[in-house]
Structure formats: structure tokens, C-alpha cells
Amino acid sequence: MEELLQHLERRIQGLLQKFEYLKVSQQHMQQSKQSLAREKERLLIKHKGVVTQIESMVARLKALEGL
């Protein structure tokens, strides 16, 4: 009986360690996800600005062709 209790105690300790590891891993993944979402938003804004600049250049080139 004592052996079974020791085995269960070791098993519980192992599960608690895995739980803590997974909890920390999840926190890191959440932080990474938030960071990637901010980076995506920044890049989308930058992309929109570049598209606007290119459209403006194309419009100016078309205007020059008409001269």
C-alpha cells in the first residue's frame, strides 16, 4: 500500500510539473501572438501607405503621358 501511495505521489508531482511547464508555455505563446498581431497591424498600415504612394505615382505618370 505504501508503495502504491509513493507511486501516486510521484505521478502527481510529475503531472504538476508538466502543468506548470504548459502554463508557462501558454503564457509565452500568448505574448508571441499579441506581438505578432501588433506587427501585422503595423505592416498593414505601412502597406496601405505604400499602395497609396504607388497609386499616386501611377496617376502622375498617366497625367504626364497626356501632355
Protein backbone atom coordinates (compact mmCIF):
# COMPACT_ATOMS: atom_id res chain seq x y z
CA MET A 1 0.00 0.00 0.00
CA GLU A 2 2.83 2.39 0.89
CA GLU A 3 4.46 1.65 -2.46
CA LEU A 4 1.26 2.49 -4.32
CA LEU A 5 0.95 5.80 -2.44
CA GLN A 6 4.55 6.70 -3.28
CA HIS A 7 3.95 5.84 -6.92
CA LEU A 8 0.82 8.02 -6.99
CA GLU A 9 2.67 10.86 -5.27
CA ARG A 10 5.46 10.73 -7.87
CA ARG A 11 2.87 10.64 -10.63
CA ILE A 12 1.04 13.65 -9.19
CA GLN A 13 4.32 15.57 -8.83
CA GLY A 14 5.17 14.79 -12.45
CA LEU A 15 1.77 15.97 -13.60
CA LEU A 16 2.11 19.18 -11.58
CA GLN A 17 5.49 19.85 -13.19
CA LYS A 18 4.03 19.28 -16.64
CA PHE A 19 1.11 21.56 -15.79
CA GLU A 20 3.46 24.37 -14.73
CA TYR A 21 5.57 23.91 -17.86
CA LEU A 22 2.49 24.04 -20.08
CA LYS A 23 1.14 27.08 -18.23
CA VAL A 24 4.38 28.99 -18.81
CA SER A 25 4.49 27.84 -22.44
CA GLN A 26 0.96 29.06 -22.98
CA GLN A 27 1.82 32.45 -21.49
CA HIS A 28 4.80 32.75 -23.86
CA MET A 29 2.64 31.79 -26.82
CA GLN A 30 0.02 34.37 -25.86
CA GLN A 31 2.72 37.05 -25.65
CA SER A 32 4.07 35.98 -29.04
CA LYS A 33 0.58 36.02 -30.51
CA GLN A 34 -0.02 39.55 -29.24
CA SER A 35 3.34 40.69 -30.56
CA LEU A 36 2.64 39.16 -33.96
CA ALA A 37 -0.80 40.80 -34.08
CA ARG A 38 0.79 44.22 -33.39
CA GLU A 39 3.43 43.59 -36.07
CA LYS A 40 0.74 42.55 -38.55
CA GLU A 41 -1.22 45.72 -37.88
CA ARG A 42 1.91 47.83 -38.31
CA LEU A 43 2.72 46.13 -41.61
CA LEU A 44 -0.84 46.53 -42.89
CA ILE A 45 -0.72 50.25 -42.17
CA LYS A 46 2.65 50.50 -43.90
CA HIS A 47 1.33 48.50 -46.86
CA LYS A 48 -1.66 50.82 -47.26
CA GLY A 49 0.69 53.80 -47.28
CA VAL A 50 2.86 52.24 -49.97
CA VAL A 51 -0.18 51.37 -52.08
CA THR A 52 -1.34 54.98 -51.86
CA GLN A 53 2.10 56.23 -52.92
CA ILE A 54 2.20 53.86 -55.90
CA GLU A 55 -1.31 54.83 -56.98
CA SER A 56 -0.27 58.47 -56.78
CA MET A 57 2.82 57.81 -58.92
CA VAL A 58 0.78 55.93 -61.49
CA ALA A 59 -1.71 58.80 -61.65
CA ARG A 60 1.12 61.31 -62.18
CA LEU A 61 2.67 59.16 -64.90
CA LYS A 62 -0.67 58.91 -66.68
CA ALA A 63 -1.03 62.68 -66.44
CA LEU A 64 2.44 63.11 -67.95
CA GLU A 65 1.51 60.77 -70.83
CA GLY A 66 -1.41 63.02 -71.65
CA LEU A 67 0.83 66.05 -72.15
